[in-house]
Amino acid sequence: MLLPINRSIEQLLIYLLLVAVLLYTLNQVRKPTKWVGRFFLWIMNMSHSSVTDWGLKHVEIEEHFTILDVGCGGGRTIEKMAALARRGMVYGVDFAKGSVAASLGKNTQLIQTGRVEVKQASVSQLPFPEDKFNLVTAVETQYYWPDLVKDMQEILRVLKPGGTLIVIAESYKKRAYDRRQPPVMRVLRSTNLGVNEHRELFSTAGFTDIQIFEERTKGWICGRGKKPV
């Protein structure tokens, strides 16, 4: 009788261990730590590169722009935008220490030349004055914002009149009646919006000239809005 009981306990312990590893891994995606998170940020830098390039095609970036990347992660988007805004300035913020450390490492040379700055901060309280940025980008990060409308309004505050916010993501509701969400995103307690919901979010937060772009074959979405002049 003891053998089956011991086997059941062993199986339960293995299951609990796997659940713990899964939850730890998912938390690294949401909020990477300084050391272990580096591996996940390296993966995200690669996996998000294509959707970032696609999304950035929907906004004009002039060489003198002052740009903010919210949720800068591993710093790849900062690097891309600094290459486009060659005479401008690019800032990055992230609420995770691991992401800040990775972005600093990724952009060391640009930081040394004074063209990039990276800070630890939340989208809910950006450490910048009003009317500072020509462009704010948010790539694969809006899922995790604590209060979407208020956080969008905080971005609106730091944008210059006529400035642009662009939100890029590779997970969204494809149909109005589609309530499904990838299991990983559910575990991460992320927000999953459809096209009309994205448009409504921009409008409610106070943006104008709103456009939503889809790449349906890949499941990508890009929302763009401007601060009223």
C-alpha atoms as a PDB file:
ATOM      1  CA  MET A   1       0.000   0.000   0.000  1.00  0.00           C
ATOM      2  CA  LEU A   2       2.878   2.357   0.664  1.00  0.00           C
ATOM      3  CA  LEU A   3       4.278   2.179  -2.864  1.00  0.00           C
ATOM      4  CA  PRO A   4       1.249   3.660  -4.644  1.00  0.00           C
ATOM      5  CA  ILE A   5       0.992   6.396  -2.001  1.00  0.00           C
ATOM      6  CA  ASN A   6       4.691   7.290  -2.357  1.00  0.00           C
ATOM      7  CA  ARG A   7       4.326   7.370  -6.152  1.00  0.00           C
ATOM      8  CA  SER A   8       1.340   9.707  -5.871  1.00  0.00           C
ATOM      9  CA  ILE A   9       3.285  12.027  -3.586  1.00  0.00           C
ATOM     10  CA  GLU A  10       6.211  11.978  -5.975  1.00  0.00           C
ATOM     11  CA  GLN A  11       3.967  12.827  -8.935  1.00  0.00           C
ATOM     12  CA  LEU A  12       2.346  15.645  -6.954  1.00  0.00           C
ATOM     13  CA  LEU A  13       5.731  17.111  -6.047  1.00  0.00           C
ATOM     14  CA  ILE A  14       6.860  16.951  -9.672  1.00  0.00           C
ATOM     15  CA  TYR A  15       3.642  18.676 -10.756  1.00  0.00           C
ATOM     16  CA  LEU A  16       4.073  21.409  -8.143  1.00  0.00           C
ATOM     17  CA  LEU A  17       7.687  21.899  -9.207  1.00  0.00           C
ATOM     18  CA  LEU A  18       6.669  22.242 -12.865  1.00  0.00           C
ATOM     19  CA  VAL A  19       3.971  24.757 -11.939  1.00  0.00           C
ATOM     20  CA  ALA A  20       6.479  26.759  -9.896  1.00  0.00           C
ATOM     21  CA  VAL A  21       8.972  26.782 -12.784  1.00  0.00           C
ATOM     22  CA  LEU A  22       6.250  27.850 -15.220  1.00  0.00           C
ATOM     23  CA  LEU A  23       5.060  30.686 -12.997  1.00  0.00           C
ATOM     24  CA  TYR A  24       8.630  31.860 -12.436  1.00  0.00           C
ATOM     25  CA  THR A  25       9.292  31.800 -16.177  1.00  0.00           C
ATOM     26  CA  LEU A  26       6.119  33.748 -16.963  1.00  0.00           C
ATOM     27  CA  ASN A  27       6.990  36.322 -14.327  1.00  0.00           C
ATOM     28  CA  GLN A  28      10.359  36.806 -16.024  1.00  0.00           C
ATOM     29  CA  VAL A  29       8.469  37.681 -19.211  1.00  0.00           C
ATOM     30  CA  ARG A  30       6.300  40.190 -17.366  1.00  0.00           C
ATOM     31  CA  LYS A  31       8.998  41.674 -15.134  1.00  0.00           C
ATOM     32  CA  PRO A  32      12.523  40.390 -15.890  1.00  0.00           C
ATOM     33  CA  THR A  33      15.041  40.324 -13.072  1.00  0.00           C
ATOM     34  CA  LYS A  34      18.542  41.685 -13.476  1.00  0.00           C
ATOM     35  CA  TRP A  35      20.309  38.354 -13.993  1.00  0.00           C
ATOM     36  CA  VAL A  36      17.946  35.533 -14.944  1.00  0.00           C
ATOM     37  CA  GLY A  37      15.796  37.952 -16.932  1.00  0.00           C
ATOM     38  CA  ARG A  38      18.661  38.720 -19.320  1.00  0.00           C
ATOM     39  CA  PHE A  39      18.077  35.425 -21.139  1.00  0.00           C
ATOM     40  CA  PHE A  40      14.383  36.155 -21.639  1.00  0.00           C
ATOM     41  CA  LEU A  41      15.101  39.713 -22.754  1.00  0.00           C
ATOM     42  CA  TRP A  42      17.573  38.391 -25.313  1.00  0.00           C
ATOM     43  CA  ILE A  43      14.846  36.127 -26.692  1.00  0.00           C
ATOM     44  CA  MET A  44      12.339  38.992 -26.729  1.00  0.00           C
ATOM     45  CA  ASN A  45      14.792  41.248 -28.556  1.00  0.00           C
ATOM     46  CA  MET A  46      14.888  38.685 -31.360  1.00  0.00           C
ATOM     47  CA  SER A  47      11.246  37.619 -31.374  1.00  0.00           C
ATOM     48  CA  HIS A  48       9.837  41.176 -31.279  1.00  0.00           C
ATOM     49  CA  SER A  49      12.131  42.581 -33.957  1.00  0.00           C
ATOM     50  CA  SER A  50       9.912  41.791 -36.954  1.00  0.00           C
ATOM     51  CA  VAL A  51       6.677  43.102 -35.443  1.00  0.00           C
ATOM     52  CA  THR A  52       8.537  46.241 -34.342  1.00  0.00           C
ATOM     53  CA  ASP A  53       9.844  46.882 -37.857  1.00  0.00           C
ATOM     54  CA  TRP A  54       6.336  46.385 -39.262  1.00  0.00           C
ATOM     55  CA  GLY A  55       4.778  48.733 -36.720  1.00  0.00           C
ATOM     56  CA  LEU A  56       7.347  51.482 -37.183  1.00  0.00           C
ATOM     57  CA  LYS A  57       6.481  51.622 -40.883  1.00  0.00           C
ATOM     58  CA  HIS A  58       3.225  53.302 -39.834  1.00  0.00           C
ATOM     59  CA  VAL A  59       4.886  56.373 -38.350  1.00  0.00           C
ATOM     60  CA  GLU A  60       7.272  58.977 -39.747  1.00  0.00           C
ATOM     61  CA  ILE A  61      10.432  59.360 -37.706  1.00  0.00           C
ATOM     62  CA  GLU A  62      12.457  62.491 -38.456  1.00  0.00           C
ATOM     63  CA  GLU A  63      16.141  62.636 -37.678  1.00  0.00           C
ATOM     64  CA  HIS A  64      15.781  65.363 -35.027  1.00  0.00           C
ATOM     65  CA  PHE A  65      12.965  63.677 -33.064  1.00  0.00           C
ATOM     66  CA  THR A  66      12.944  63.274 -29.290  1.00  0.00           C
ATOM     67  CA  ILE A  67      11.509  59.793 -28.688  1.00  0.00           C
ATOM     68  CA  LEU A  68      10.409  57.740 -25.698  1.00  0.00           C
ATOM     69  CA  ASP A  69      10.097  53.947 -25.701  1.00  0.00           C
ATOM     70  CA  VAL A  70       7.783  52.824 -22.897  1.00  0.00           C
ATOM     71  CA  GLY A  71       8.503  49.303 -21.666  1.00  0.00           C
ATOM     72  CA  CYS A  72      11.883  49.259 -23.390  1.00  0.00           C
ATOM     73  CA  GLY A  73      12.659  45.645 -22.435  1.00  0.00           C
ATOM     74  CA  GLY A  74      15.970  44.522 -23.872  1.00  0.00           C
ATOM     75  CA  GLY A  75      16.630  47.836 -25.648  1.00  0.00           C
ATOM     76  CA  ARG A  76      16.367  46.710 -29.271  1.00  0.00           C
ATOM     77  CA  THR A  77      13.633  49.229 -30.137  1.00  0.00           C
ATOM     78  CA  ILE A  78      15.712  52.041 -28.646  1.00  0.00           C
ATOM     79  CA  GLU A  79      18.576  51.021 -30.911  1.00  0.00           C
ATOM     80  CA  LYS A  80      16.314  50.938 -33.986  1.00  0.00           C
ATOM     81  CA  MET A  81      14.890  54.392 -33.329  1.00  0.00           C
ATOM     82  CA  ALA A  82      18.269  55.930 -32.561  1.00  0.00           C
ATOM     83  CA  ALA A  83      19.394  54.772 -36.005  1.00  0.00           C
ATOM     84  CA  LEU A  84      16.429  56.634 -37.548  1.00  0.00           C
ATOM     85  CA  ALA A  85      16.555  59.765 -35.360  1.00  0.00           C
ATOM     86  CA  ARG A  86      20.258  60.319 -36.002  1.00  0.00           C
ATOM     87  CA  ARG A  87      20.263  63.885 -34.683  1.00  0.00           C
ATOM     88  CA  GLY A  88      17.654  63.346 -32.021  1.00  0.00           C
ATOM     89  CA  MET A  89      17.419  61.809 -28.571  1.00  0.00           C
ATOM     90  CA  VAL A  90      15.886  58.509 -27.518  1.00  0.00           C
ATOM     91  CA  TYR A  91      14.749  57.698 -23.981  1.00  0.00           C
ATOM     92  CA  GLY A  92      13.671  54.342 -22.630  1.00  0.00           C
ATOM     93  CA  VAL A  93      11.737  53.486 -19.476  1.00  0.00           C
ATOM     94  CA  ASP A  94      10.818  50.166 -17.924  1.00  0.00           C
ATOM     95  CA  PHE A  95       9.503  49.239 -14.491  1.00  0.00           C
ATOM     96  CA  ALA A  96      11.725  46.128 -14.282  1.00  0.00           C
ATOM     97  CA  LYS A  97      15.323  46.444 -13.100  1.00  0.00           C
ATOM     98  CA  GLY A  98      16.367  43.603 -15.385  1.00  0.00           C
ATOM     99  CA  SER A  99      14.994  45.364 -18.445  1.00  0.00           C
ATOM    100  CA  VAL A 100      16.729  48.614 -17.539  1.00  0.00           C
ATOM    101  CA  ALA A 101      20.044  46.791 -17.079  1.00  0.00           C
ATOM    102  CA  ALA A 102      19.639  44.987 -20.414  1.00  0.00           C
ATOM    103  CA  SER A 103      18.721  48.198 -22.270  1.00  0.00           C
ATOM    104  CA  LEU A 104      21.706  49.970 -20.764  1.00  0.00           C
ATOM    105  CA  GLY A 105      23.993  47.156 -21.896  1.00  0.00           C
ATOM    106  CA  LYS A 106      22.460  46.992 -25.370  1.00  0.00           C
ATOM    107  CA  ASN A 107      22.897  50.717 -25.968  1.00  0.00           C
ATOM    108  CA  THR A 108      26.147  51.429 -24.139  1.00  0.00           C
ATOM    109  CA  GLN A 109      27.796  53.292 -27.011  1.00  0.00           C
ATOM    110  CA  LEU A 110      24.719  55.427 -27.740  1.00  0.00           C
ATOM    111  CA  ILE A 111      24.465  56.307 -24.048  1.00  0.00           C
ATOM    112  CA  GLN A 112      28.130  57.319 -23.962  1.00  0.00           C
ATOM    113  CA  THR A 113      27.602  59.656 -26.914  1.00  0.00           C
ATOM    114  CA  GLY A 114      24.633  61.270 -25.164  1.00  0.00           C
ATOM    115  CA  ARG A 115      21.983  60.113 -27.631  1.00  0.00           C
ATOM    116  CA  VAL A 116      20.181  57.621 -25.388  1.00  0.00           C
ATOM    117  CA  GLU A 117      19.004  57.598 -21.770  1.00  0.00           C
ATOM    118  CA  VAL A 118      17.341  54.711 -19.942  1.00  0.00           C
ATOM    119  CA  LYS A 119      15.464  55.035 -16.653  1.00  0.00           C
ATOM    120  CA  GLN A 120      13.526  52.754 -14.343  1.00  0.00           C
ATOM    121  CA  ALA A 121       9.976  54.090 -14.240  1.00  0.00           C
ATOM    122  CA  SER A 122       6.346  53.106 -14.655  1.00  0.00           C
ATOM    123  CA  VAL A 123       4.119  54.209 -17.510  1.00  0.00           C
ATOM    124  CA  SER A 124       1.738  55.428 -14.806  1.00  0.00           C
ATOM    125  CA  GLN A 125       4.220  58.069 -13.629  1.00  0.00           C
ATOM    126  CA  LEU A 126       6.686  59.069 -16.319  1.00  0.00           C
ATOM    127  CA  PRO A 127       9.666  61.114 -15.038  1.00  0.00           C
ATOM    128  CA  PHE A 128       9.444  63.739 -17.782  1.00  0.00           C
ATOM    129  CA  PRO A 129       7.904  67.198 -18.179  1.00  0.00           C
ATOM    130  CA  GLU A 130       4.888  67.974 -20.333  1.00  0.00           C
ATOM    131  CA  ASP A 131       5.226  68.398 -24.105  1.00  0.00           C
ATOM    132  CA  LYS A 132       8.656  66.766 -24.394  1.00  0.00           C
ATOM    133  CA  PHE A 133       8.402  64.018 -27.017  1.00  0.00           C
ATOM    134  CA  ASN A 134       7.664  63.963 -30.731  1.00  0.00           C
ATOM    135  CA  LEU A 135       7.000  60.231 -30.572  1.00  0.00           C
ATOM    136  CA  VAL A 136       6.252  57.626 -27.914  1.00  0.00           C
ATOM    137  CA  THR A 137       6.402  53.925 -28.765  1.00  0.00           C
ATOM    138  CA  ALA A 138       5.037  50.949 -26.835  1.00  0.00           C
ATOM    139  CA  VAL A 139       6.002  47.537 -28.200  1.00  0.00           C
ATOM    140  CA  GLU A 140       4.556  44.373 -26.635  1.00  0.00           C
ATOM    141  CA  THR A 141       4.009  46.114 -23.317  1.00  0.00           C
ATOM    142  CA  GLN A 142       0.531  47.633 -23.206  1.00  0.00           C
ATOM    143  CA  TYR A 143      -0.870  44.244 -22.119  1.00  0.00           C
ATOM    144  CA  TYR A 144       0.525  44.800 -18.624  1.00  0.00           C
ATOM    145  CA  TRP A 145      -0.292  48.449 -17.919  1.00  0.00           C
ATOM    146  CA  PRO A 146      -2.232  48.830 -14.642  1.00  0.00           C
ATOM    147  CA  ASP A 147      -4.784  51.388 -15.898  1.00  0.00           C
ATOM    148  CA  LEU A 148      -4.953  51.657 -19.688  1.00  0.00           C
ATOM    149  CA  VAL A 149      -6.847  54.947 -19.968  1.00  0.00           C
ATOM    150  CA  LYS A 150      -4.905  56.787 -17.252  1.00  0.00           C
ATOM    151  CA  ASP A 151      -1.598  55.413 -18.510  1.00  0.00           C
ATOM    152  CA  MET A 152      -2.408  56.531 -22.065  1.00  0.00           C
ATOM    153  CA  GLN A 153      -3.258  59.968 -20.654  1.00  0.00           C
ATOM    154  CA  GLU A 154       0.104  60.048 -18.883  1.00  0.00           C
ATOM    155  CA  ILE A 155       1.751  59.435 -22.247  1.00  0.00           C
ATOM    156  CA  LEU A 156      -0.427  62.165 -23.746  1.00  0.00           C
ATOM    157  CA  ARG A 157       0.910  64.547 -21.093  1.00  0.00           C
ATOM    158  CA  VAL A 158       4.550  64.102 -22.128  1.00  0.00           C
ATOM    159  CA  LEU A 159       3.861  64.244 -25.875  1.00  0.00           C
ATOM    160  CA  LYS A 160       4.307  67.521 -27.719  1.00  0.00           C
ATOM    161  CA  PRO A 161       1.154  68.926 -29.356  1.00  0.00           C
ATOM    162  CA  GLY A 162       0.883  67.025 -32.618  1.00  0.00           C
ATOM    163  CA  GLY A 163       3.135  64.276 -31.256  1.00  0.00           C
ATOM    164  CA  THR A 164       2.373  60.606 -31.877  1.00  0.00           C
ATOM    165  CA  LEU A 165       1.866  57.498 -29.755  1.00  0.00           C
ATOM    166  CA  ILE A 166       2.233  54.172 -31.530  1.00  0.00           C
ATOM    167  CA  VAL A 167       1.296  50.900 -29.834  1.00  0.00           C
ATOM    168  CA  ILE A 168       2.540  47.670 -31.425  1.00  0.00           C
ATOM    169  CA  ALA A 169       1.461  44.175 -30.368  1.00  0.00           C
ATOM    170  CA  GLU A 170       1.332  40.622 -31.679  1.00  0.00           C
ATOM    171  CA  SER A 171      -1.707  39.498 -29.702  1.00  0.00           C
ATOM    172  CA  TYR A 172      -5.209  40.918 -30.010  1.00  0.00           C
ATOM    173  CA  LYS A 173      -8.828  39.863 -30.454  1.00  0.00           C
ATOM    174  CA  LYS A 174      -9.380  39.241 -34.161  1.00  0.00           C
ATOM    175  CA  ARG A 175     -13.193  39.389 -34.044  1.00  0.00           C
ATOM    176  CA  ALA A 176     -15.695  41.323 -31.956  1.00  0.00           C
ATOM    177  CA  TYR A 177     -17.131  38.121 -30.494  1.00  0.00           C
ATOM    178  CA  ASP A 178     -13.768  36.454 -29.933  1.00  0.00           C
ATOM    179  CA  ARG A 179     -13.142  36.309 -26.187  1.00  0.00           C
ATOM    180  CA  ARG A 180     -10.358  33.806 -26.475  1.00  0.00           C
ATOM    181  CA  GLN A 181      -6.883  34.674 -25.331  1.00  0.00           C
ATOM    182  CA  PRO A 182      -3.618  32.721 -25.513  1.00  0.00           C
ATOM    183  CA  PRO A 183      -3.203  30.737 -22.257  1.00  0.00           C
ATOM    184  CA  VAL A 184       0.119  32.404 -21.486  1.00  0.00           C
ATOM    185  CA  MET A 185      -1.465  35.856 -21.729  1.00  0.00           C
ATOM    186  CA  ARG A 186      -4.256  34.779 -19.370  1.00  0.00           C
ATOM    187  CA  VAL A 187      -1.756  33.571 -16.792  1.00  0.00           C
ATOM    188  CA  LEU A 188       0.089  36.882 -17.086  1.00  0.00           C
ATOM    189  CA  ARG A 189      -3.200  38.718 -16.406  1.00  0.00           C
ATOM    190  CA  SER A 190      -2.740  40.717 -19.587  1.00  0.00           C
ATOM    191  CA  THR A 191      -5.295  42.822 -21.442  1.00  0.00           C
ATOM    192  CA  ASN A 192      -6.512  41.504 -24.786  1.00  0.00           C
ATOM    193  CA  LEU A 193      -8.266  44.125 -26.938  1.00  0.00           C
ATOM    194  CA  GLY A 194      -9.882  44.078 -30.356  1.00  0.00           C
ATOM    195  CA  VAL A 195      -9.572  46.641 -33.147  1.00  0.00           C
ATOM    196  CA  ASN A 196     -12.558  48.728 -32.059  1.00  0.00           C
ATOM    197  CA  GLU A 197     -11.480  48.534 -28.428  1.00  0.00           C
ATOM    198  CA  HIS A 198      -8.038  49.855 -29.347  1.00  0.00           C
ATOM    199  CA  ARG A 199      -9.640  52.712 -31.258  1.00  0.00           C
ATOM    200  CA  GLU A 200     -11.969  53.492 -28.360  1.00  0.00           C
ATOM    201  CA  LEU A 201      -9.059  53.423 -25.900  1.00  0.00           C
ATOM    202  CA  PHE A 202      -7.100  56.011 -27.901  1.00  0.00           C
ATOM    203  CA  SER A 203     -10.204  58.193 -28.202  1.00  0.00           C
ATOM    204  CA  THR A 204     -11.149  57.958 -24.520  1.00  0.00           C
ATOM    205  CA  ALA A 205      -7.599  58.903 -23.499  1.00  0.00           C
ATOM    206  CA  GLY A 206      -7.815  62.065 -25.625  1.00  0.00           C
ATOM    207  CA  PHE A 207      -5.930  61.182 -28.809  1.00  0.00           C
ATOM    208  CA  THR A 208      -6.976  62.307 -32.285  1.00  0.00           C
ATOM    209  CA  ASP A 209      -6.192  61.189 -35.861  1.00  0.00           C
ATOM    210  CA  ILE A 210      -6.509  57.592 -34.656  1.00  0.00           C
ATOM    211  CA  GLN A 211      -5.679  54.742 -37.013  1.00  0.00           C
ATOM    212  CA  ILE A 212      -5.518  51.008 -36.352  1.00  0.00           C
ATOM    213  CA  PHE A 213      -3.501  48.738 -38.638  1.00  0.00           C
ATOM    214  CA  GLU A 214      -3.659  44.944 -38.808  1.00  0.00           C
ATOM    215  CA  GLU A 215      -1.391  42.251 -40.219  1.00  0.00           C
ATOM    216  CA  ARG A 216      -3.969  39.494 -40.018  1.00  0.00           C
ATOM    217  CA  THR A 217      -1.796  36.751 -41.474  1.00  0.00           C
ATOM    218  CA  LYS A 218       0.603  37.130 -38.529  1.00  0.00           C
ATOM    219  CA  GLY A 219      -1.832  38.342 -35.904  1.00  0.00           C
ATOM    220  CA  TRP A 220      -0.178  41.738 -35.435  1.00  0.00           C
ATOM    221  CA  ILE A 221      -1.839  45.052 -34.576  1.00  0.00           C
ATOM    222  CA  CYS A 222      -0.608  48.638 -34.503  1.00  0.00           C
ATOM    223  CA  GLY A 223      -2.506  51.594 -33.054  1.00  0.00           C
ATOM    224  CA  ARG A 224      -1.544  55.182 -33.763  1.00  0.00           C
ATOM    225  CA  GLY A 225      -2.877  58.434 -32.349  1.00  0.00           C
ATOM    226  CA  LYS A 226      -1.816  62.063 -32.005  1.00  0.00           C
ATOM    227  CA  LYS A 227      -1.931  64.648 -29.252  1.00  0.00           C
ATOM    228  CA  PRO A 228      -4.289  67.462 -30.234  1.00  0.00           C
ATOM    229  CA  VAL A 229      -2.561  70.652 -31.365  1.00  0.00           C
END
